[in-house]
């Protein structure tokens, strides 16, 4: 899409719905995630391992939702599916505010994580339809930039609100979900719906031809690895920073904001760069770079040191996430399904990182957690070297020139 002209066959104006909705949803999710972590730690006295497990509840439920709800979600138009998630999340969180407690916090996160499957996979499938090559890259990068922009503000907002009232971040998130639901529903007034779920497209025969690239497999592994790191950063690091380094909630949020800034910058830059596409060697190099950065984290004790290392990890995260989504949907005949696999894998990585990181931190120390992650990503880089050497992975999809 150039100069704002929609490509033939795509829904005109759909980005006017997707981009703001993704930003607000990400802002709400990020504020809720860090805010409720302080709730279970400070109000309910949860141990580090329990905090890590709690941080994995949302991700685990979302992972299950992506798998179990996939057929049901595909029955809805993307916008209707988005509204279900947003309205439902607001209702669930407000119910928790009215009836708080540790068990209720687990139940609320599990329920709202499960219905999140109604939002991201269908949005990604809708976003990518009608695009290939540079156009697909720009669309996915703009989308990723929008939700990462929400992450820039959410951590710091959660920290500030938590210092003034432990439940304020949860209330703020519930209000944001409600506002986002209203916007998505109101967008029907200025963006028309296209087609109907289950109705064959006019070019159904052409759509049935799979022109996808097998590079999605090493790219998916890279996304899984980087999100295992994210699980630790989001759910274990804040406990370590509070308990052992005596860093305030707002300062912890600021450190995480640096990571989010770097991620957003990476997505913004990727929307204007295409040289990385179908460069097989880039996939293991990114994982190796993550392993090296995590090794530096082993020796950090100051907020500035963490912020710098987290910023580099955030930059790597943007590239690895974008690789996973781009290679998953490029040339695919079933983009909704591929987007669901992409989301399930990044979520599974976050679950494993959160749970394992919490246990390792409680039993040993935070440097041990970072070293374990470094070894995991280094091993992943080695596996990717073998994966990209497979002859099938050396070919670009039909109609795509390598490096185009």
Protein backbone atom coordinates (compact mmCIF):
# COMPACT_ATOMS: atom_id res chain seq x y z
CA UNK A 1 0.00 0.00 0.00
CA UNK A 2 1.58 3.27 -1.14
CA UNK A 3 0.58 6.85 -0.49
CA UNK A 4 -2.40 5.63 1.52
CA UNK A 5 -4.01 3.92 -1.50
CA UNK A 6 -5.54 0.58 -0.48
CA UNK A 7 -4.44 -2.37 -2.49
CA UNK A 8 -7.16 -3.94 -4.58
CA UNK A 9 -8.88 -6.78 -2.74
CA UNK A 10 -8.11 -5.51 0.77
CA UNK A 11 -10.54 -3.84 3.11
CA UNK A 12 -10.10 -0.05 2.78
CA UNK A 13 -9.60 1.64 6.12
CA UNK A 14 -9.02 -1.49 8.18
CA UNK A 15 -5.79 -0.03 9.58
CA UNK A 16 -7.87 2.79 11.10
CA UNK A 17 -9.47 0.12 13.28
CA UNK A 18 -6.51 -2.18 13.90
CA UNK A 19 -3.82 0.32 14.86
CA UNK A 20 -5.68 2.32 17.58
CA UNK A 21 -7.33 -0.84 18.94
CA UNK A 22 -3.99 -2.67 19.19
CA UNK A 23 -2.38 0.31 20.96
CA UNK A 24 -5.13 0.68 23.57
CA UNK A 25 -5.34 -3.08 24.13
CA UNK A 26 -1.58 -3.34 24.64
CA UNK A 27 -1.64 -0.37 27.01
CA UNK A 28 -4.36 -2.05 29.08
CA UNK A 29 -2.66 -5.47 29.08
CA UNK A 30 0.73 -4.04 30.11
CA UNK A 31 -0.73 -1.89 32.88
CA UNK A 32 -2.75 -4.80 34.21
CA UNK A 33 0.14 -7.28 34.04
CA UNK A 34 2.62 -5.28 36.12
CA UNK A 35 0.01 -3.75 38.41
CA UNK A 36 -1.57 -7.02 39.48
CA UNK A 37 1.92 -8.47 40.04
CA UNK A 38 2.42 -5.91 42.80
CA UNK A 39 -1.04 -6.73 44.15
CA UNK A 40 -0.32 -10.45 44.67
CA UNK A 41 3.18 -9.72 45.98
CA UNK A 42 2.45 -6.86 48.38
CA UNK A 43 -1.16 -7.47 49.45
CA UNK A 44 -1.27 -11.26 49.41
CA UNK A 45 2.38 -12.06 50.25
CA UNK A 46 3.02 -14.37 47.29
CA UNK A 47 6.47 -16.01 47.12
CA UNK A 48 8.75 -15.41 44.09
CA UNK A 49 7.88 -18.84 42.68
CA UNK A 50 4.17 -18.17 43.14
CA UNK A 51 4.55 -14.74 41.53
CA UNK A 52 6.28 -16.38 38.57
CA UNK A 53 3.50 -18.96 38.33
CA UNK A 54 0.90 -16.21 38.60
CA UNK A 55 2.60 -14.30 35.80
CA UNK A 56 2.26 -17.42 33.67
CA UNK A 57 -1.47 -17.82 34.30
CA UNK A 58 -2.53 -15.22 31.74
CA UNK A 59 -0.05 -16.54 29.17
CA UNK A 60 -1.05 -20.18 29.75
CA UNK A 61 -4.73 -19.36 29.43
CA UNK A 62 -4.07 -17.34 26.29
CA UNK A 63 -2.08 -20.22 24.82
CA UNK A 64 -4.95 -22.61 25.52
CA UNK A 65 -7.41 -20.10 24.12
CA UNK A 66 -5.46 -19.86 20.87
CA UNK A 67 -5.66 -23.65 20.50
CA UNK A 68 -9.14 -24.42 21.83
CA UNK A 69 -11.01 -21.39 20.52
CA UNK A 70 -9.47 -21.29 17.04
CA UNK A 71 -12.49 -22.77 15.23
CA UNK A 72 -14.97 -20.71 17.22
CA UNK A 73 -13.07 -17.46 16.68
CA UNK A 74 -13.02 -18.00 12.92
CA UNK A 75 -16.83 -17.91 12.88
CA UNK A 76 -16.78 -14.21 13.77
CA UNK A 77 -15.77 -11.19 11.76
CA UNK A 78 -12.50 -9.84 13.16
CA UNK A 79 -14.14 -6.72 14.57
CA UNK A 80 -16.83 -8.71 16.38
CA UNK A 81 -14.20 -11.03 17.80
CA UNK A 82 -12.16 -8.06 19.03
CA UNK A 83 -15.19 -6.57 20.79
CA UNK A 84 -15.88 -9.86 22.58
CA UNK A 85 -12.38 -9.87 24.05
CA UNK A 86 -12.36 -6.20 25.04
CA UNK A 87 -15.81 -6.10 26.62
CA UNK A 88 -15.26 -9.42 28.36
CA UNK A 89 -11.89 -8.35 29.78
CA UNK A 90 -13.34 -5.15 31.20
CA UNK A 91 -16.14 -7.10 32.87
CA UNK A 92 -13.77 -9.69 34.35
CA UNK A 93 -11.39 -7.12 35.82
CA UNK A 94 -14.17 -5.03 37.31
CA UNK A 95 -15.56 -8.21 38.91
CA UNK A 96 -12.16 -8.79 40.51
CA UNK A 97 -12.13 -5.22 41.87
CA UNK A 98 -15.53 -5.81 43.46
CA UNK A 99 -14.51 -9.21 44.85
CA UNK A 100 -10.70 -9.15 45.44
CA UNK A 101 -8.52 -11.96 46.76
CA UNK A 102 -5.55 -14.14 45.76
CA UNK A 103 -7.66 -16.94 44.33
CA UNK A 104 -9.89 -14.43 42.57
CA UNK A 105 -6.78 -12.83 41.03
CA UNK A 106 -5.76 -16.20 39.57
CA UNK A 107 -9.27 -16.83 38.24
CA UNK A 108 -9.57 -13.33 36.75
CA UNK A 109 -6.22 -13.59 34.96
CA UNK A 110 -7.06 -17.07 33.68
CA UNK A 111 -10.43 -16.00 32.28
CA UNK A 112 -9.22 -12.79 30.70
CA UNK A 113 -6.17 -14.53 29.26
CA UNK A 114 -8.38 -17.20 27.70
CA UNK A 115 -10.65 -14.74 25.88
CA UNK A 116 -7.64 -12.74 24.64
CA UNK A 117 -7.54 -15.38 21.89
CA UNK A 118 -10.51 -13.51 20.42
CA UNK A 119 -8.29 -10.49 19.74
CA UNK A 120 -4.71 -10.99 18.52
CA UNK A 121 -4.89 -13.99 16.12
CA UNK A 122 -7.90 -12.71 14.13
CA UNK A 123 -6.42 -9.20 14.04
CA UNK A 124 -3.16 -10.56 12.62
CA UNK A 125 -4.97 -12.63 10.03
CA UNK A 126 -7.13 -9.66 9.02
CA UNK A 127 -4.12 -7.37 8.92
CA UNK A 128 -2.07 -9.55 6.57
CA UNK A 129 -4.79 -10.35 4.02
CA UNK A 130 -4.04 -8.94 0.60
CA UNK A 131 -0.40 -8.08 1.34
CA UNK A 132 2.88 -9.69 0.31
CA UNK A 133 6.55 -8.72 0.30
CA UNK A 134 7.30 -5.09 1.17
CA UNK A 135 3.60 -4.30 1.70
CA UNK A 136 3.22 -7.15 4.17
CA UNK A 137 6.39 -6.02 5.93
CA UNK A 138 5.09 -2.46 6.29
CA UNK A 139 1.69 -3.64 7.53
CA UNK A 140 3.07 -6.05 10.13
CA UNK A 141 5.69 -3.54 11.28
CA UNK A 142 3.12 -0.76 11.69
CA UNK A 143 0.87 -3.11 13.63
CA UNK A 144 3.75 -4.25 15.85
CA UNK A 145 4.84 -0.66 16.39
CA UNK A 146 1.34 0.26 17.55
CA UNK A 147 1.09 -2.42 20.22
CA UNK A 148 4.70 -1.93 21.31
CA UNK A 149 3.94 1.77 21.72
CA UNK A 150 1.37 0.76 24.31
CA UNK A 151 4.11 -1.12 26.14
CA UNK A 152 6.20 2.04 26.37
CA UNK A 153 3.65 3.75 28.58
CA UNK A 154 2.02 0.81 30.35
CA UNK A 155 4.91 -0.23 32.62
CA UNK A 156 5.59 3.27 33.88
CA UNK A 157 1.88 4.00 34.33
CA UNK A 158 1.47 0.75 36.28
CA UNK A 159 4.38 1.67 38.55
CA UNK A 160 3.09 5.17 39.23
CA UNK A 161 -0.46 4.00 39.91
CA UNK A 162 0.71 1.15 42.17
CA UNK A 163 2.54 3.62 44.41
CA UNK A 164 -0.77 5.48 44.90
CA UNK A 165 -3.09 2.50 45.23
CA UNK A 166 -2.45 -1.17 44.51
CA UNK A 167 -5.75 -1.68 42.66
CA UNK A 168 -5.51 1.47 40.54
CA UNK A 169 -3.65 -0.21 37.61
CA UNK A 170 -6.36 -2.89 37.41
CA UNK A 171 -9.14 -0.28 37.42
CA UNK A 172 -7.29 1.75 34.78
CA UNK A 173 -6.92 -1.34 32.59
CA UNK A 174 -10.63 -2.20 32.92
CA UNK A 175 -11.59 1.30 31.80
CA UNK A 176 -9.19 1.12 28.83
CA UNK A 177 -10.69 -2.20 27.71
CA UNK A 178 -14.18 -0.67 27.84
CA UNK A 179 -13.06 2.39 25.84
CA UNK A 180 -11.39 0.16 23.25
CA UNK A 181 -14.51 -2.00 22.91
CA UNK A 182 -16.61 1.11 22.31
CA UNK A 183 -14.18 2.33 19.65
CA UNK A 184 -14.10 -0.99 17.81
CA UNK A 185 -17.90 -1.18 17.73
CA UNK A 186 -18.24 2.48 16.70
CA UNK A 187 -15.75 1.96 13.86
CA UNK A 188 -18.51 0.24 11.90
CA UNK A 189 -19.76 3.75 11.16
CA UNK A 190 -16.68 4.63 9.09
CA UNK A 191 -15.15 1.29 8.05
CA UNK A 192 -17.26 -1.23 6.17
CA UNK A 193 -17.23 -4.95 6.86
CA UNK A 194 -15.94 -7.32 4.19
CA UNK A 195 -17.22 -10.75 3.39
CA UNK A 196 -18.56 -13.13 6.02
CA UNK A 197 -16.75 -15.81 8.05
CA UNK A 198 -16.84 -19.10 6.22
CA UNK A 199 -17.92 -17.56 2.91
CA UNK A 200 -15.55 -18.55 0.07
CA UNK A 201 -13.63 -15.72 -1.49
CA UNK A 202 -13.92 -14.97 -5.19
CA UNK A 203 -10.36 -16.21 -5.70
CA UNK A 204 -10.76 -19.25 -3.49
CA UNK A 205 -8.77 -21.45 -5.85
CA UNK A 206 -5.84 -19.08 -5.83
CA UNK A 207 -6.16 -18.61 -2.08
CA UNK A 208 -5.80 -22.36 -1.63
CA UNK A 209 -2.27 -22.36 -3.06
CA UNK A 210 0.29 -22.39 -0.26
CA UNK A 211 3.28 -20.23 -1.20
CA UNK A 212 4.66 -19.92 2.32
CA UNK A 213 8.30 -20.27 3.32
CA UNK A 214 9.70 -22.90 5.65
CA UNK A 215 11.86 -20.21 7.22
CA UNK A 216 8.93 -19.78 9.57
CA UNK A 217 10.20 -22.75 11.60
CA UNK A 218 13.55 -21.27 12.74
CA UNK A 219 11.82 -17.88 13.02
CA UNK A 220 9.19 -19.41 15.32
CA UNK A 221 11.96 -20.94 17.44
CA UNK A 222 13.59 -17.52 17.76
CA UNK A 223 10.30 -15.94 18.83
CA UNK A 224 9.77 -18.69 21.40
CA UNK A 225 13.23 -18.07 22.85
CA UNK A 226 12.95 -14.29 23.08
CA UNK A 227 9.57 -14.56 24.76
CA UNK A 228 10.98 -16.94 27.36
CA UNK A 229 13.27 -14.00 28.17
CA UNK A 230 10.25 -11.66 28.21
CA UNK A 231 8.52 -13.94 30.73
CA UNK A 232 11.39 -13.40 33.15
CA UNK A 233 11.62 -9.66 32.51
CA UNK A 234 7.89 -9.09 32.98
CA UNK A 235 7.18 -11.41 35.91
CA UNK A 236 10.40 -12.28 37.80
CA UNK A 237 12.65 -9.26 37.43
CA UNK A 238 10.19 -6.86 39.17
CA UNK A 239 10.21 -9.10 42.29
CA UNK A 240 14.02 -9.27 42.28
CA UNK A 241 14.34 -5.53 41.78
CA UNK A 242 11.96 -4.79 44.65
CA UNK A 243 13.21 -7.39 47.15
CA UNK A 244 16.97 -7.36 46.60
CA UNK A 245 17.77 -4.04 44.95
CA UNK A 246 15.09 -1.94 46.74
CA UNK A 247 14.07 -0.27 43.48
CA UNK A 248 10.71 1.55 43.60
CA UNK A 249 7.71 0.50 41.52
CA UNK A 250 7.97 3.56 39.30
CA UNK A 251 11.71 2.98 38.71
CA UNK A 252 11.03 -0.66 37.81
CA UNK A 253 8.41 0.55 35.38
CA UNK A 254 10.93 2.98 33.91
CA UNK A 255 13.48 0.20 33.34
CA UNK A 256 10.83 -1.87 31.56
CA UNK A 257 9.83 1.22 29.60
CA UNK A 258 13.35 1.43 28.14
CA UNK A 259 12.86 -2.11 26.83
CA UNK A 260 9.52 -1.12 25.33
CA UNK A 261 11.02 2.00 23.71
CA UNK A 262 13.72 -0.08 22.05
CA UNK A 263 11.13 -2.59 20.83
CA UNK A 264 8.94 0.16 19.37
CA UNK A 265 11.94 1.75 17.65
CA UNK A 266 12.84 -1.64 16.17
CA UNK A 267 9.37 -2.14 14.74
CA UNK A 268 9.36 1.41 13.35
CA UNK A 269 12.69 0.83 11.60
CA UNK A 270 11.67 -2.59 10.27
CA UNK A 271 8.74 -1.01 8.47
CA UNK A 272 11.23 0.85 6.30
CA UNK A 273 13.83 -1.89 5.82
CA UNK A 274 13.54 -5.02 3.71
CA UNK A 275 17.16 -6.16 3.39
CA UNK A 276 16.68 -8.68 6.22
CA UNK A 277 13.93 -10.63 4.45
CA UNK A 278 14.88 -14.23 3.61
CA UNK A 279 18.39 -13.82 5.05
CA UNK A 280 18.76 -17.24 6.65
CA UNK A 281 21.90 -16.42 8.62
CA UNK A 282 20.12 -13.57 10.45
CA UNK A 283 17.93 -15.98 12.41
CA UNK A 284 20.64 -17.75 14.48
CA UNK A 285 22.66 -14.52 14.74
CA UNK A 286 19.75 -12.82 16.51
CA UNK A 287 19.46 -15.65 19.04
CA UNK A 288 23.21 -15.62 19.62
CA UNK A 289 23.07 -11.85 20.20
CA UNK A 290 20.33 -12.41 22.79
CA UNK A 291 22.48 -15.00 24.57
CA UNK A 292 25.42 -12.56 24.70
CA UNK A 293 23.25 -9.77 26.12
CA UNK A 294 21.84 -12.07 28.79
CA UNK A 295 25.38 -12.96 29.82
CA UNK A 296 26.02 -9.26 30.52
CA UNK A 297 22.86 -9.15 32.63
CA UNK A 298 24.37 -11.71 34.99
CA UNK A 299 26.72 -9.02 36.31
CA UNK A 300 24.27 -6.10 36.52
CA UNK A 301 23.10 -4.60 39.79
CA UNK A 302 22.18 -1.00 38.91
CA UNK A 303 18.97 0.28 37.25
CA UNK A 304 21.06 1.93 34.50
CA UNK A 305 22.84 -1.33 33.66
CA UNK A 306 19.56 -3.21 33.53
CA UNK A 307 17.97 -0.50 31.41
CA UNK A 308 20.77 -0.63 28.82
CA UNK A 309 20.72 -4.43 28.58
CA UNK A 310 16.93 -4.54 28.54
CA UNK A 311 16.97 -1.98 25.73
CA UNK A 312 19.20 -4.20 23.61
CA UNK A 313 17.00 -7.22 24.33
CA UNK A 314 13.97 -5.13 23.35
CA UNK A 315 15.55 -4.29 20.02
CA UNK A 316 16.30 -7.97 19.38
CA UNK A 317 12.74 -8.82 20.42
CA UNK A 318 11.29 -6.56 17.73
CA UNK A 319 13.28 -8.23 14.96
CA UNK A 320 12.63 -11.78 16.16
CA UNK A 321 8.91 -11.17 16.66
CA UNK A 322 8.61 -9.50 13.25
CA UNK A 323 10.49 -12.38 11.61
CA UNK A 324 8.08 -14.87 13.15
CA UNK A 325 4.93 -13.04 12.05
CA UNK A 326 6.29 -12.13 8.60
CA UNK A 327 7.48 -15.64 7.71
CA UNK A 328 4.32 -17.17 9.20
CA UNK A 329 1.94 -15.18 6.99
CA UNK A 330 4.02 -14.54 3.86
CA UNK A 331 2.54 -16.58 1.01
CA UNK A 332 0.32 -18.60 3.37
CA UNK A 333 -3.11 -19.76 2.22
CA UNK A 334 -4.42 -19.93 5.81
CA UNK A 335 -3.08 -16.82 7.50
CA UNK A 336 -5.42 -16.96 10.49
CA UNK A 337 -4.09 -20.42 11.37
CA UNK A 338 -0.45 -19.36 10.92
CA UNK A 339 -1.00 -16.25 13.03
CA UNK A 340 -2.50 -18.46 15.74
CA UNK A 341 0.57 -20.71 15.72
CA UNK A 342 2.81 -17.65 15.95
CA UNK A 343 0.87 -16.31 18.94
CA UNK A 344 0.74 -19.71 20.65
CA UNK A 345 4.51 -20.13 20.42
CA UNK A 346 5.43 -16.68 21.74
CA UNK A 347 2.94 -17.20 24.56
CA UNK A 348 4.32 -20.66 25.37
CA UNK A 349 7.79 -19.14 25.57
CA UNK A 350 6.55 -16.51 28.00
CA UNK A 351 4.85 -19.19 30.14
CA UNK A 352 7.97 -21.33 30.38
CA UNK A 353 10.20 -18.34 31.08
CA UNK A 354 7.92 -17.03 33.80
CA UNK A 355 7.45 -20.34 35.65
CA UNK A 356 11.01 -21.64 35.31
CA UNK A 357 12.46 -18.20 36.05
CA UNK A 358 10.40 -17.86 39.22
CA UNK A 359 11.47 -21.27 40.51
CA UNK A 360 15.15 -20.73 39.67
CA UNK A 361 15.14 -17.31 41.30
CA UNK A 362 13.57 -18.62 44.50
CA UNK A 363 15.91 -21.61 44.72
CA UNK A 364 19.10 -19.91 43.55
CA UNK A 365 19.48 -16.29 42.41
CA UNK A 366 18.69 -13.88 39.60
CA UNK A 367 22.16 -14.27 37.99
CA UNK A 368 21.44 -18.00 37.73
CA UNK A 369 18.17 -17.19 35.95
CA UNK A 370 19.91 -14.93 33.43
CA UNK A 371 22.66 -17.49 32.84
CA UNK A 372 20.06 -20.20 32.29
CA UNK A 373 18.36 -18.02 29.69
CA UNK A 374 21.70 -17.32 28.03
CA UNK A 375 22.39 -21.05 27.71
CA UNK A 376 18.88 -21.69 26.41
CA UNK A 377 19.10 -19.04 23.68
CA UNK A 378 22.63 -20.13 22.75
CA UNK A 379 21.38 -23.71 22.32
CA UNK A 380 18.48 -22.36 20.25
CA UNK A 381 20.91 -20.50 18.00
CA UNK A 382 22.77 -23.77 17.42
CA UNK A 383 19.54 -25.54 16.47
CA UNK A 384 18.64 -22.71 14.09
CA UNK A 385 22.01 -23.10 12.33
CA UNK A 386 21.04 -26.66 11.42
CA UNK A 387 17.48 -25.68 10.55
CA UNK A 388 18.45 -23.00 8.03
CA UNK A 389 20.90 -25.42 6.41
CA UNK A 390 18.01 -27.67 5.31
CA UNK A 391 17.66 -27.33 1.50
CA UNK A 392 13.93 -26.54 1.70
CA UNK A 393 14.72 -23.52 3.87
CA UNK A 394 17.14 -22.14 1.31
CA UNK A 395 14.35 -21.30 -1.09
CA UNK A 396 12.15 -18.21 -1.01
CA UNK A 397 8.41 -18.51 -1.69
CA UNK A 398 7.43 -18.43 -5.37
CA UNK A 399 7.37 -14.88 -6.63
CA UNK A 400 9.78 -13.67 -3.90
CA UNK A 401 13.39 -12.95 -4.67
CA UNK A 402 15.77 -13.75 -1.88
CA UNK A 403 16.57 -10.62 0.00
CA UNK A 404 13.80 -8.65 -1.73
